[in-house]
Amino acid sequence: MNLKVRTCLGFKDQAEDAARFYVSVIPDSVFEGAFRREPNGPAILVSFTLAGAPYQALNVGREMIRNEAFSISVMTKDQRETDELWEKLLANGGSEIQCSWLKDRFGICWQIVPEALPRMFMDEDRAAAERAFQAMLGMVKIDLAKVEAAFRGASD
């Protein structure tokens, strides 16, 4: 797919491995192809889409400095999808951060956000929205039932 704008992720030498992993984890994703200087050589640049969002990954030959200023955010439909994606992205060396954030084994930060979360945060009932937000702040992986309980004003 030839698109004008793509987010580019830089890697020392794992661009293709990372892209293939991400495509395997995010539903409705496609590995589009790889540019190699030699037919059997390592990929230099790969193109892929994650749930319709275009990306490329580039091997730059050196370690990249990463931080939470850049992350890939994925909206999940429910707790089951949140848990499944969370575990897959943490596999083989990822680490949890907080408030729905994690870092995968390639050093890329992700936000795994149940779609109900922003709806609660933007609710017209500002007190309920604030209770939900405060509940989320104390979490690493989002526990949607606990955030919803806080939103309703229920105490666990």
C-alpha atoms as a PDB file:
ATOM      1  CA  MET A   1       0.000   0.000   0.000  1.00  0.00           C
ATOM      2  CA  ASN A   2       1.522   3.305  -1.058  1.00  0.00           C
ATOM      3  CA  LEU A   3       0.483   5.966   1.452  1.00  0.00           C
ATOM      4  CA  LYS A   4       1.772   9.488   1.777  1.00  0.00           C
ATOM      5  CA  VAL A   5       2.170   9.400   5.575  1.00  0.00           C
ATOM      6  CA  ARG A   6       3.307   6.495   7.770  1.00  0.00           C
ATOM      7  CA  THR A   7       4.626   6.347  11.309  1.00  0.00           C
ATOM      8  CA  CYS A   8       8.192   5.022  11.199  1.00  0.00           C
ATOM      9  CA  LEU A   9       9.595   2.938  14.050  1.00  0.00           C
ATOM     10  CA  GLY A  10      13.383   2.732  14.243  1.00  0.00           C
ATOM     11  CA  PHE A  11      15.220  -0.395  15.351  1.00  0.00           C
ATOM     12  CA  LYS A  12      18.847  -1.431  15.526  1.00  0.00           C
ATOM     13  CA  ASP A  13      18.268  -4.650  13.574  1.00  0.00           C
ATOM     14  CA  GLN A  14      14.857  -6.085  14.507  1.00  0.00           C
ATOM     15  CA  ALA A  15      12.473  -4.125  12.264  1.00  0.00           C
ATOM     16  CA  GLU A  16      11.123  -7.149  10.422  1.00  0.00           C
ATOM     17  CA  ASP A  17      10.807  -9.271  13.576  1.00  0.00           C
ATOM     18  CA  ALA A  18       8.944  -6.466  15.347  1.00  0.00           C
ATOM     19  CA  ALA A  19       6.618  -5.783  12.407  1.00  0.00           C
ATOM     20  CA  ARG A  20       5.749  -9.451  11.998  1.00  0.00           C
ATOM     21  CA  PHE A  21       5.117  -9.736  15.742  1.00  0.00           C
ATOM     22  CA  TYR A  22       2.840  -6.675  15.802  1.00  0.00           C
ATOM     23  CA  VAL A  23       0.877  -7.940  12.795  1.00  0.00           C
ATOM     24  CA  SER A  24       0.401 -11.291  14.550  1.00  0.00           C
ATOM     25  CA  VAL A  25      -0.903  -9.600  17.726  1.00  0.00           C
ATOM     26  CA  ILE A  26      -3.209  -6.853  16.429  1.00  0.00           C
ATOM     27  CA  PRO A  27      -6.316  -8.129  14.588  1.00  0.00           C
ATOM     28  CA  ASP A  28      -6.925  -6.942  11.018  1.00  0.00           C
ATOM     29  CA  SER A  29      -3.251  -6.211  10.429  1.00  0.00           C
ATOM     30  CA  VAL A  30      -1.072  -6.918   7.399  1.00  0.00           C
ATOM     31  CA  PHE A  31       2.651  -7.297   6.771  1.00  0.00           C
ATOM     32  CA  GLU A  32       2.985  -5.565   3.406  1.00  0.00           C
ATOM     33  CA  GLY A  33       6.588  -6.191   2.449  1.00  0.00           C
ATOM     34  CA  ALA A  34      10.262  -5.618   3.055  1.00  0.00           C
ATOM     35  CA  PHE A  35      13.013  -3.800   1.175  1.00  0.00           C
ATOM     36  CA  ARG A  36      16.265  -5.751   1.158  1.00  0.00           C
ATOM     37  CA  ARG A  37      19.486  -4.705  -0.540  1.00  0.00           C
ATOM     38  CA  GLU A  38      20.080  -8.360  -1.395  1.00  0.00           C
ATOM     39  CA  PRO A  39      17.343 -10.957  -2.005  1.00  0.00           C
ATOM     40  CA  ASN A  40      18.286 -13.073   1.026  1.00  0.00           C
ATOM     41  CA  GLY A  41      19.698 -10.230   3.108  1.00  0.00           C
ATOM     42  CA  PRO A  42      18.182  -8.590   6.143  1.00  0.00           C
ATOM     43  CA  ALA A  43      15.301  -6.201   5.702  1.00  0.00           C
ATOM     44  CA  ILE A  44      16.220  -2.539   5.825  1.00  0.00           C
ATOM     45  CA  LEU A  45      12.702  -1.140   5.646  1.00  0.00           C
ATOM     46  CA  VAL A  46       9.407  -2.949   6.154  1.00  0.00           C
ATOM     47  CA  SER A  47       5.857  -1.737   5.628  1.00  0.00           C
ATOM     48  CA  PHE A  48       2.835  -2.951   7.568  1.00  0.00           C
ATOM     49  CA  THR A  49      -0.567  -1.857   8.793  1.00  0.00           C
ATOM     50  CA  LEU A  50      -1.986  -2.346  12.273  1.00  0.00           C
ATOM     51  CA  ALA A  51      -5.786  -2.427  12.177  1.00  0.00           C
ATOM     52  CA  GLY A  52      -5.668  -0.115   9.163  1.00  0.00           C
ATOM     53  CA  ALA A  53      -3.052   2.323  10.527  1.00  0.00           C
ATOM     54  CA  PRO A  54       0.045   2.506   8.314  1.00  0.00           C
ATOM     55  CA  TYR A  55       3.535   1.956   9.741  1.00  0.00           C
ATOM     56  CA  GLN A  56       7.006   1.273   8.572  1.00  0.00           C
ATOM     57  CA  ALA A  57       9.947  -0.080  10.518  1.00  0.00           C
ATOM     58  CA  LEU A  58      13.527   0.826   9.694  1.00  0.00           C
ATOM     59  CA  ASN A  59      16.744  -0.888  10.747  1.00  0.00           C
ATOM     60  CA  VAL A  60      19.161   1.947  11.513  1.00  0.00           C
ATOM     61  CA  GLY A  61      22.110  -0.131  12.758  1.00  0.00           C
ATOM     62  CA  ARG A  62      22.255   1.356  16.245  1.00  0.00           C
ATOM     63  CA  GLU A  63      20.190   1.296  19.408  1.00  0.00           C
ATOM     64  CA  MET A  64      17.348   3.798  19.408  1.00  0.00           C
ATOM     65  CA  ILE A  65      16.496   5.969  22.397  1.00  0.00           C
ATOM     66  CA  ARG A  66      12.890   5.302  23.369  1.00  0.00           C
ATOM     67  CA  ASN A  67      10.598   6.757  25.996  1.00  0.00           C
ATOM     68  CA  GLU A  68       6.923   7.116  26.791  1.00  0.00           C
ATOM     69  CA  ALA A  69       6.633  10.283  24.680  1.00  0.00           C
ATOM     70  CA  PHE A  70       5.790   7.957  21.785  1.00  0.00           C
ATOM     71  CA  SER A  71       3.341   5.091  22.113  1.00  0.00           C
ATOM     72  CA  ILE A  72       0.926   3.090  20.028  1.00  0.00           C
ATOM     73  CA  SER A  73      -2.575   3.256  21.478  1.00  0.00           C
ATOM     74  CA  VAL A  74      -5.008   0.394  20.917  1.00  0.00           C
ATOM     75  CA  MET A  75      -8.682   0.615  21.842  1.00  0.00           C
ATOM     76  CA  THR A  76     -10.015  -2.722  23.046  1.00  0.00           C
ATOM     77  CA  LYS A  77     -13.679  -3.694  23.149  1.00  0.00           C
ATOM     78  CA  ASP A  78     -13.705  -5.377  26.564  1.00  0.00           C
ATOM     79  CA  GLN A  79     -11.644  -6.795  29.422  1.00  0.00           C
ATOM     80  CA  ARG A  80     -11.023 -10.081  27.607  1.00  0.00           C
ATOM     81  CA  GLU A  81      -9.456  -8.325  24.608  1.00  0.00           C
ATOM     82  CA  THR A  82      -7.520  -6.005  26.930  1.00  0.00           C
ATOM     83  CA  ASP A  83      -6.087  -8.952  28.874  1.00  0.00           C
ATOM     84  CA  GLU A  84      -5.233 -10.936  25.744  1.00  0.00           C
ATOM     85  CA  LEU A  85      -3.426  -8.084  24.022  1.00  0.00           C
ATOM     86  CA  TRP A  86      -1.665  -7.082  27.242  1.00  0.00           C
ATOM     87  CA  GLU A  87      -0.249 -10.572  27.739  1.00  0.00           C
ATOM     88  CA  LYS A  88       0.851 -10.965  24.113  1.00  0.00           C
ATOM     89  CA  LEU A  89       2.665  -7.632  24.064  1.00  0.00           C
ATOM     90  CA  LEU A  90       4.414  -8.362  27.387  1.00  0.00           C
ATOM     91  CA  ALA A  91       5.555 -11.822  26.280  1.00  0.00           C
ATOM     92  CA  ASN A  92       9.271 -12.551  26.063  1.00  0.00           C
ATOM     93  CA  GLY A  93      10.625  -9.509  27.822  1.00  0.00           C
ATOM     94  CA  GLY A  94       8.055  -6.717  27.886  1.00  0.00           C
ATOM     95  CA  SER A  95       7.434  -4.643  30.997  1.00  0.00           C
ATOM     96  CA  GLU A  96       4.410  -3.018  32.586  1.00  0.00           C
ATOM     97  CA  ILE A  97       4.385   0.721  33.162  1.00  0.00           C
ATOM     98  CA  GLN A  98       1.098   2.085  34.565  1.00  0.00           C
ATOM     99  CA  CYS A  99      -2.353   3.412  33.642  1.00  0.00           C
ATOM    100  CA  SER A 100      -2.768   1.064  30.637  1.00  0.00           C
ATOM    101  CA  TRP A 101       0.829   1.493  29.418  1.00  0.00           C
ATOM    102  CA  LEU A 102       3.416  -1.183  28.741  1.00  0.00           C
ATOM    103  CA  LYS A 103       6.664  -1.581  26.864  1.00  0.00           C
ATOM    104  CA  ASP A 104       7.077  -4.576  24.557  1.00  0.00           C
ATOM    105  CA  ARG A 105      10.255  -6.639  24.137  1.00  0.00           C
ATOM    106  CA  PHE A 106      11.389  -4.351  21.294  1.00  0.00           C
ATOM    107  CA  GLY A 107      11.152  -1.263  23.515  1.00  0.00           C
ATOM    108  CA  ILE A 108       8.012   0.209  21.919  1.00  0.00           C
ATOM    109  CA  CYS A 109       5.449   1.679  24.337  1.00  0.00           C
ATOM    110  CA  TRP A 110       1.784   0.773  24.003  1.00  0.00           C
ATOM    111  CA  GLN A 111      -1.413   2.002  25.607  1.00  0.00           C
ATOM    112  CA  ILE A 112      -4.046  -0.736  25.853  1.00  0.00           C
ATOM    113  CA  VAL A 113      -7.285   1.130  26.497  1.00  0.00           C
ATOM    114  CA  PRO A 114     -10.766  -0.395  26.842  1.00  0.00           C
ATOM    115  CA  GLU A 115     -13.109   1.722  24.711  1.00  0.00           C
ATOM    116  CA  ALA A 116     -15.347   2.342  27.747  1.00  0.00           C
ATOM    117  CA  LEU A 117     -12.562   4.239  29.526  1.00  0.00           C
ATOM    118  CA  PRO A 118     -12.554   7.487  27.496  1.00  0.00           C
ATOM    119  CA  ARG A 119     -16.371   7.472  27.475  1.00  0.00           C
ATOM    120  CA  MET A 120     -16.370   7.437  31.271  1.00  0.00           C
ATOM    121  CA  PHE A 121     -13.664  10.108  31.462  1.00  0.00           C
ATOM    122  CA  MET A 122     -15.657  12.434  29.189  1.00  0.00           C
ATOM    123  CA  ASP A 123     -19.024  11.836  30.832  1.00  0.00           C
ATOM    124  CA  GLU A 124     -21.083  14.928  31.688  1.00  0.00           C
ATOM    125  CA  ASP A 125     -21.190  13.782  35.312  1.00  0.00           C
ATOM    126  CA  ARG A 126     -17.796  15.237  36.200  1.00  0.00           C
ATOM    127  CA  ALA A 127     -17.748  13.670  39.680  1.00  0.00           C
ATOM    128  CA  ALA A 128     -18.290  10.187  38.195  1.00  0.00           C
ATOM    129  CA  ALA A 129     -15.665  10.874  35.517  1.00  0.00           C
ATOM    130  CA  GLU A 130     -13.160  11.944  38.184  1.00  0.00           C
ATOM    131  CA  ARG A 131     -13.833   8.813  40.300  1.00  0.00           C
ATOM    132  CA  ALA A 132     -13.184   6.646  37.230  1.00  0.00           C
ATOM    133  CA  PHE A 133     -10.019   8.588  36.423  1.00  0.00           C
ATOM    134  CA  GLN A 134      -8.711   8.296  39.984  1.00  0.00           C
ATOM    135  CA  ALA A 135      -9.395   4.540  39.973  1.00  0.00           C
ATOM    136  CA  MET A 136      -7.434   4.192  36.726  1.00  0.00           C
ATOM    137  CA  LEU A 137      -4.456   6.101  38.136  1.00  0.00           C
ATOM    138  CA  GLY A 138      -3.884   3.340  40.700  1.00  0.00           C
ATOM    139  CA  MET A 139      -3.738   0.598  38.076  1.00  0.00           C
ATOM    140  CA  VAL A 140      -1.144  -0.863  35.763  1.00  0.00           C
ATOM    141  CA  LYS A 141      -3.305  -2.954  33.429  1.00  0.00           C
ATOM    142  CA  ILE A 142      -6.829  -1.568  33.377  1.00  0.00           C
ATOM    143  CA  ASP A 143      -9.394  -3.498  35.408  1.00  0.00           C
ATOM    144  CA  LEU A 144     -12.534  -2.282  33.690  1.00  0.00           C
ATOM    145  CA  ALA A 145     -14.909  -3.635  36.354  1.00  0.00           C
ATOM    146  CA  LYS A 146     -13.130  -1.615  39.062  1.00  0.00           C
ATOM    147  CA  VAL A 147     -13.092   1.565  36.977  1.00  0.00           C
ATOM    148  CA  GLU A 148     -16.802   1.116  36.195  1.00  0.00           C
ATOM    149  CA  ALA A 149     -17.560   0.535  39.885  1.00  0.00           C
ATOM    150  CA  ALA A 150     -15.741   3.749  40.788  1.00  0.00           C
ATOM    151  CA  PHE A 151     -17.620   5.558  38.033  1.00  0.00           C
ATOM    152  CA  ARG A 152     -20.944   4.382  39.532  1.00  0.00           C
ATOM    153  CA  GLY A 153     -19.781   5.364  43.006  1.00  0.00           C
ATOM    154  CA  ALA A 154     -19.766   1.780  44.250  1.00  0.00           C
ATOM    155  CA  SER A 155     -17.141   0.864  46.814  1.00  0.00           C
ATOM    156  CA  ASP A 156     -15.419  -2.489  46.628  1.00  0.00           C
END
